[in-house]
Amino acid sequence: MRKLPQVLLVMLACAALFAPPAHAYIDPGTGNFIFQLLLGTIVGAAATFKIWWARVLAFVKPKAK
């Protein structure tokens, strides 16, 4: 069981070194899609942080009577 990570690493290295050429085509819209994905992730993380921070402040601040 201890040699499993080593065996997987060797298999991954062999697969990467001996892979045939892909001859793949990247569509021009792929860059736009990656940009939208990155921007959506940043905006989602910012919104999540804002909601989380408001909950932390509401928990910490004393309530007015």
PDB file of N, CA and C in Angstrom:
ATOM      1  N   MET A   1       0.819  -1.199   0.000  1.00  0.00           N
ATOM      2  CA  MET A   1       0.000   0.000   0.000  1.00  0.00           C
ATOM      3  C   MET A   1       0.865   1.267   0.000  1.00  0.00           C
ATOM      4  N   ARG A   2       2.082   1.155   0.532  1.00  0.00           N
ATOM      5  CA  ARG A   2       2.950   2.322   0.580  1.00  0.00           C
ATOM      6  C   ARG A   2       3.514   2.691  -0.786  1.00  0.00           C
ATOM      7  N   LYS A   3       3.574   1.754  -1.690  1.00  0.00           N
ATOM      8  CA  LYS A   3       4.156   2.012  -3.004  1.00  0.00           C
ATOM      9  C   LYS A   3       3.129   2.515  -4.009  1.00  0.00           C
ATOM     10  N   LEU A   4       1.860   2.589  -3.617  1.00  0.00           N
ATOM     11  CA  LEU A   4       0.809   3.016  -4.541  1.00  0.00           C
ATOM     12  C   LEU A   4       1.047   4.433  -5.065  1.00  0.00           C
ATOM     13  N   PRO A   5       1.364   5.433  -4.225  1.00  0.00           N
ATOM     14  CA  PRO A   5       1.617   6.770  -4.779  1.00  0.00           C
ATOM     15  C   PRO A   5       2.805   6.796  -5.741  1.00  0.00           C
ATOM     16  N   GLN A   6       3.842   6.004  -5.460  1.00  0.00           N
ATOM     17  CA  GLN A   6       5.000   5.966  -6.343  1.00  0.00           C
ATOM     18  C   GLN A   6       4.637   5.339  -7.686  1.00  0.00           C
ATOM     19  N   VAL A   7       3.849   4.289  -7.648  1.00  0.00           N
ATOM     20  CA  VAL A   7       3.431   3.624  -8.887  1.00  0.00           C
ATOM     21  C   VAL A   7       2.563   4.568  -9.719  1.00  0.00           C
ATOM     22  N   LEU A   8       1.646   5.277  -9.054  1.00  0.00           N
ATOM     23  CA  LEU A   8       0.787   6.222  -9.776  1.00  0.00           C
ATOM     24  C   LEU A   8       1.611   7.359 -10.385  1.00  0.00           C
ATOM     25  N   LEU A   9       2.621   7.822  -9.665  1.00  0.00           N
ATOM     26  CA  LEU A   9       3.473   8.887 -10.183  1.00  0.00           C
ATOM     27  C   LEU A   9       4.253   8.421 -11.410  1.00  0.00           C
ATOM     28  N   VAL A  10       4.768   7.199 -11.375  1.00  0.00           N
ATOM     29  CA  VAL A  10       5.492   6.656 -12.529  1.00  0.00           C
ATOM     30  C   VAL A  10       4.555   6.484 -13.716  1.00  0.00           C
ATOM     31  N   MET A  11       3.341   6.003 -13.454  1.00  0.00           N
ATOM     32  CA  MET A  11       2.371   5.832 -14.545  1.00  0.00           C
ATOM     33  C   MET A  11       1.997   7.175 -15.165  1.00  0.00           C
ATOM     34  N   LEU A  12       1.818   8.193 -14.338  1.00  0.00           N
ATOM     35  CA  LEU A  12       1.489   9.525 -14.836  1.00  0.00           C
ATOM     36  C   LEU A  12       2.646  10.099 -15.657  1.00  0.00           C
ATOM     37  N   ALA A  13       3.856   9.908 -15.185  1.00  0.00           N
ATOM     38  CA  ALA A  13       5.024  10.393 -15.920  1.00  0.00           C
ATOM     39  C   ALA A  13       5.143   9.695 -17.271  1.00  0.00           C
ATOM     40  N   CYS A  14       4.923   8.387 -17.304  1.00  0.00           N
ATOM     41  CA  CYS A  14       4.987   7.651 -18.575  1.00  0.00           C
ATOM     42  C   CYS A  14       3.898   8.112 -19.535  1.00  0.00           C
ATOM     43  N   ALA A  15       2.703   8.342 -19.017  1.00  0.00           N
ATOM     44  CA  ALA A  15       1.609   8.800 -19.867  1.00  0.00           C
ATOM     45  C   ALA A  15       1.906  10.185 -20.442  1.00  0.00           C
ATOM     46  N   ALA A  16       2.544  11.054 -19.643  1.00  0.00           N
ATOM     47  CA  ALA A  16       2.861  12.400 -20.120  1.00  0.00           C
ATOM     48  C   ALA A  16       4.019  12.387 -21.114  1.00  0.00           C
ATOM     49  N   LEU A  17       5.002  11.519 -20.897  1.00  0.00           N
ATOM     50  CA  LEU A  17       6.180  11.506 -21.760  1.00  0.00           C
ATOM     51  C   LEU A  17       5.940  10.815 -23.096  1.00  0.00           C
ATOM     52  N   PHE A  18       5.090   9.823 -23.116  1.00  0.00           N
ATOM     53  CA  PHE A  18       4.903   9.024 -24.327  1.00  0.00           C
ATOM     54  C   PHE A  18       3.554   9.262 -25.006  1.00  0.00           C
ATOM     55  N   ALA A  19       2.923  10.402 -24.736  1.00  0.00           N
ATOM     56  CA  ALA A  19       1.638  10.717 -25.347  1.00  0.00           C
ATOM     57  C   ALA A  19       1.836  11.146 -26.801  1.00  0.00           C
ATOM     58  N   PRO A  20       0.981  10.682 -27.706  1.00  0.00           N
ATOM     59  CA  PRO A  20       1.098  11.115 -29.099  1.00  0.00           C
ATOM     60  C   PRO A  20       0.592  12.550 -29.255  1.00  0.00           C
ATOM     61  N   PRO A  21       0.966  13.236 -30.329  1.00  0.00           N
ATOM     62  CA  PRO A  21       0.468  14.602 -30.539  1.00  0.00           C
ATOM     63  C   PRO A  21      -1.051  14.605 -30.683  1.00  0.00           C
ATOM     64  N   ALA A  22      -1.685  15.629 -30.150  1.00  0.00           N
ATOM     65  CA  ALA A  22      -3.147  15.671 -30.098  1.00  0.00           C
ATOM     66  C   ALA A  22      -3.763  16.232 -31.381  1.00  0.00           C
ATOM     67  N   HIS A  23      -3.097  17.159 -32.050  1.00  0.00           N
ATOM     68  CA  HIS A  23      -3.639  17.834 -33.234  1.00  0.00           C
ATOM     69  C   HIS A  23      -5.018  18.431 -32.904  1.00  0.00           C
ATOM     70  N   ALA A  24      -5.101  19.097 -31.758  1.00  0.00           N
ATOM     71  CA  ALA A  24      -6.362  19.651 -31.282  1.00  0.00           C
ATOM     72  C   ALA A  24      -6.534  21.080 -31.793  1.00  0.00           C
ATOM     73  N   TYR A  25      -7.770  21.509 -31.810  1.00  0.00           N
ATOM     74  CA  TYR A  25      -8.117  22.854 -32.241  1.00  0.00           C
ATOM     75  C   TYR A  25      -8.803  23.562 -31.087  1.00  0.00           C
ATOM     76  N   ILE A  26      -8.328  24.758 -30.760  1.00  0.00           N
ATOM     77  CA  ILE A  26      -8.960  25.558 -29.715  1.00  0.00           C
ATOM     78  C   ILE A  26      -9.784  26.641 -30.403  1.00  0.00           C
ATOM     79  N   ASP A  27     -11.062  26.651 -30.145  1.00  0.00           N
ATOM     80  CA  ASP A  27     -11.988  27.608 -30.740  1.00  0.00           C
ATOM     81  C   ASP A  27     -11.660  29.020 -30.254  1.00  0.00           C
ATOM     82  N   PRO A  28     -11.831  30.048 -31.087  1.00  0.00           N
ATOM     83  CA  PRO A  28     -11.550  31.420 -30.642  1.00  0.00           C
ATOM     84  C   PRO A  28     -12.411  31.864 -29.455  1.00  0.00           C
ATOM     85  N   GLY A  29     -13.583  31.289 -29.288  1.00  0.00           N
ATOM     86  CA  GLY A  29     -14.448  31.653 -28.170  1.00  0.00           C
ATOM     87  C   GLY A  29     -13.997  31.066 -26.844  1.00  0.00           C
ATOM     88  N   THR A  30     -12.998  30.209 -26.863  1.00  0.00           N
ATOM     89  CA  THR A  30     -12.533  29.581 -25.641  1.00  0.00           C
ATOM     90  C   THR A  30     -11.936  30.613 -24.690  1.00  0.00           C
ATOM     91  N   GLY A  31     -11.204  31.569 -25.202  1.00  0.00           N
ATOM     92  CA  GLY A  31     -10.622  32.613 -24.358  1.00  0.00           C
ATOM     93  C   GLY A  31     -11.698  33.419 -23.657  1.00  0.00           C
ATOM     94  N   ASN A  32     -12.765  33.740 -24.383  1.00  0.00           N
ATOM     95  CA  ASN A  32     -13.873  34.476 -23.792  1.00  0.00           C
ATOM     96  C   ASN A  32     -14.550  33.648 -22.702  1.00  0.00           C
ATOM     97  N   PHE A  33     -14.698  32.355 -22.938  1.00  0.00           N
ATOM     98  CA  PHE A  33     -15.324  31.482 -21.946  1.00  0.00           C
ATOM     99  C   PHE A  33     -14.474  31.411 -20.685  1.00  0.00           C
ATOM    100  N   ILE A  34     -13.161  31.287 -20.843  1.00  0.00           N
ATOM    101  CA  ILE A  34     -12.269  31.233 -19.684  1.00  0.00           C
ATOM    102  C   ILE A  34     -12.314  32.552 -18.917  1.00  0.00           C
ATOM    103  N   PHE A  35     -12.369  33.665 -19.633  1.00  0.00           N
ATOM    104  CA  PHE A  35     -12.480  34.974 -18.989  1.00  0.00           C
ATOM    105  C   PHE A  35     -13.772  35.087 -18.190  1.00  0.00           C
ATOM    106  N   GLN A  36     -14.897  34.655 -18.768  1.00  0.00           N
ATOM    107  CA  GLN A  36     -16.176  34.700 -18.069  1.00  0.00           C
ATOM    108  C   GLN A  36     -16.168  33.795 -16.845  1.00  0.00           C
ATOM    109  N   LEU A  37     -15.547  32.639 -16.963  1.00  0.00           N
ATOM    110  CA  LEU A  37     -15.442  31.716 -15.841  1.00  0.00           C
ATOM    111  C   LEU A  37     -14.626  32.332 -14.706  1.00  0.00           C
ATOM    112  N   LEU A  38     -13.511  32.948 -15.045  1.00  0.00           N
ATOM    113  CA  LEU A  38     -12.669  33.594 -14.044  1.00  0.00           C
ATOM    114  C   LEU A  38     -13.384  34.772 -13.395  1.00  0.00           C
ATOM    115  N   LEU A  39     -14.031  35.592 -14.190  1.00  0.00           N
ATOM    116  CA  LEU A  39     -14.753  36.749 -13.663  1.00  0.00           C
ATOM    117  C   LEU A  39     -15.917  36.315 -12.774  1.00  0.00           C
ATOM    118  N   GLY A  40     -16.660  35.305 -13.181  1.00  0.00           N
ATOM    119  CA  GLY A  40     -17.761  34.802 -12.365  1.00  0.00           C
ATOM    120  C   GLY A  40     -17.272  34.228 -11.048  1.00  0.00           C
ATOM    121  N   THR A  41     -16.136  33.560 -11.073  1.00  0.00           N
ATOM    122  CA  THR A  41     -15.572  33.020  -9.837  1.00  0.00           C
ATOM    123  C   THR A  41     -15.177  34.139  -8.887  1.00  0.00           C
ATOM    124  N   ILE A  42     -14.563  35.187  -9.408  1.00  0.00           N
ATOM    125  CA  ILE A  42     -14.146  36.311  -8.572  1.00  0.00           C
ATOM    126  C   ILE A  42     -15.359  37.026  -7.984  1.00  0.00           C
ATOM    127  N   VAL A  43     -16.375  37.275  -8.799  1.00  0.00           N
ATOM    128  CA  VAL A  43     -17.570  37.964  -8.312  1.00  0.00           C
ATOM    129  C   VAL A  43     -18.319  37.095  -7.291  1.00  0.00           C
ATOM    130  N   GLY A  44     -18.411  35.808  -7.542  1.00  0.00           N
ATOM    131  CA  GLY A  44     -19.062  34.909  -6.594  1.00  0.00           C
ATOM    132  C   GLY A  44     -18.329  34.841  -5.273  1.00  0.00           C
ATOM    133  N   ALA A  45     -16.997  34.788  -5.327  1.00  0.00           N
ATOM    134  CA  ALA A  45     -16.208  34.769  -4.094  1.00  0.00           C
ATOM    135  C   ALA A  45     -16.365  36.076  -3.332  1.00  0.00           C
ATOM    136  N   ALA A  46     -16.416  37.200  -4.042  1.00  0.00           N
ATOM    137  CA  ALA A  46     -16.586  38.494  -3.385  1.00  0.00           C
ATOM    138  C   ALA A  46     -17.958  38.591  -2.713  1.00  0.00           C
ATOM    139  N   ALA A  47     -18.994  38.109  -3.383  1.00  0.00           N
ATOM    140  CA  ALA A  47     -20.336  38.140  -2.800  1.00  0.00           C
ATOM    141  C   ALA A  47     -20.420  37.224  -1.579  1.00  0.00           C
ATOM    142  N   THR A  48     -19.816  36.062  -1.664  1.00  0.00           N
ATOM    143  CA  THR A  48     -19.800  35.141  -0.529  1.00  0.00           C
ATOM    144  C   THR A  48     -19.066  35.755   0.646  1.00  0.00           C
ATOM    145  N   PHE A  49     -17.921  36.384   0.385  1.00  0.00           N
ATOM    146  CA  PHE A  49     -17.162  37.025   1.453  1.00  0.00           C
ATOM    147  C   PHE A  49     -17.953  38.164   2.084  1.00  0.00           C
ATOM    148  N   LYS A  50     -18.663  38.948   1.273  1.00  0.00           N
ATOM    149  CA  LYS A  50     -19.457  40.066   1.788  1.00  0.00           C
ATOM    150  C   LYS A  50     -20.560  39.567   2.716  1.00  0.00           C
ATOM    151  N   ILE A  51     -21.253  38.519   2.312  1.00  0.00           N
ATOM    152  CA  ILE A  51     -22.315  37.949   3.151  1.00  0.00           C
ATOM    153  C   ILE A  51     -21.717  37.377   4.434  1.00  0.00           C
ATOM    154  N   TRP A  52     -20.604  36.659   4.319  1.00  0.00           N
ATOM    155  CA  TRP A  52     -19.958  36.079   5.487  1.00  0.00           C
ATOM    156  C   TRP A  52     -19.494  37.162   6.449  1.00  0.00           C
ATOM    157  N   TRP A  53     -18.902  38.238   5.916  1.00  0.00           N
ATOM    158  CA  TRP A  53     -18.407  39.314   6.755  1.00  0.00           C
ATOM    159  C   TRP A  53     -19.561  40.036   7.464  1.00  0.00           C
ATOM    160  N   ALA A  54     -20.681  40.217   6.788  1.00  0.00           N
ATOM    161  CA  ALA A  54     -21.839  40.856   7.428  1.00  0.00           C
ATOM    162  C   ALA A  54     -22.350  39.993   8.582  1.00  0.00           C
ATOM    163  N   ARG A  55     -22.349  38.683   8.434  1.00  0.00           N
ATOM    164  CA  ARG A  55     -22.773  37.793   9.516  1.00  0.00           C
ATOM    165  C   ARG A  55     -21.809  37.842  10.689  1.00  0.00           C
ATOM    166  N   VAL A  56     -20.508  37.926  10.398  1.00  0.00           N
ATOM    167  CA  VAL A  56     -19.521  38.020  11.472  1.00  0.00           C
ATOM    168  C   VAL A  56     -19.708  39.319  12.239  1.00  0.00           C
ATOM    169  N   LEU A  57     -19.888  40.432  11.539  1.00  0.00           N
ATOM    170  CA  LEU A  57     -20.087  41.717  12.209  1.00  0.00           C
ATOM    171  C   LEU A  57     -21.378  41.740  13.009  1.00  0.00           C
ATOM    172  N   ALA A  58     -22.434  41.128  12.486  1.00  0.00           N
ATOM    173  CA  ALA A  58     -23.701  41.080  13.213  1.00  0.00           C
ATOM    174  C   ALA A  58     -23.561  40.245  14.485  1.00  0.00           C
ATOM    175  N   PHE A  59     -22.730  39.252  14.467  1.00  0.00           N
ATOM    176  CA  PHE A  59     -22.513  38.403  15.638  1.00  0.00           C
ATOM    177  C   PHE A  59     -21.658  39.119  16.686  1.00  0.00           C
ATOM    178  N   VAL A  60     -20.680  39.906  16.217  1.00  0.00           N
ATOM    179  CA  VAL A  60     -19.732  40.545  17.119  1.00  0.00           C
ATOM    180  C   VAL A  60     -20.275  41.845  17.714  1.00  0.00           C
ATOM    181  N   LYS A  61     -20.965  42.640  16.912  1.00  0.00           N
ATOM    182  CA  LYS A  61     -21.452  43.938  17.372  1.00  0.00           C
ATOM    183  C   LYS A  61     -22.555  43.757  18.413  1.00  0.00           C
ATOM    184  N   PRO A  62     -22.534  44.613  19.430  1.00  0.00           N
ATOM    185  CA  PRO A  62     -23.641  44.551  20.395  1.00  0.00           C
ATOM    186  C   PRO A  62     -24.918  45.120  19.772  1.00  0.00           C
ATOM    187  N   LYS A  63     -26.035  44.555  20.134  1.00  0.00           N
ATOM    188  CA  LYS A  63     -27.303  44.992  19.568  1.00  0.00           C
ATOM    189  C   LYS A  63     -27.811  46.222  20.322  1.00  0.00           C
ATOM    190  N   ALA A  64     -28.345  47.199  19.576  1.00  0.00           N
ATOM    191  CA  ALA A  64     -28.877  48.420  20.179  1.00  0.00           C
ATOM    192  C   ALA A  64     -30.239  48.133  20.799  1.00  0.00           C
ATOM    193  N   LYS A  65     -30.492  48.784  21.947  1.00  0.00           N
ATOM    194  CA  LYS A  65     -31.777  48.575  22.629  1.00  0.00           C
ATOM    195  C   LYS A  65     -32.810  49.584  22.239  1.00  0.00           C
TER     196      LYS A  65
END
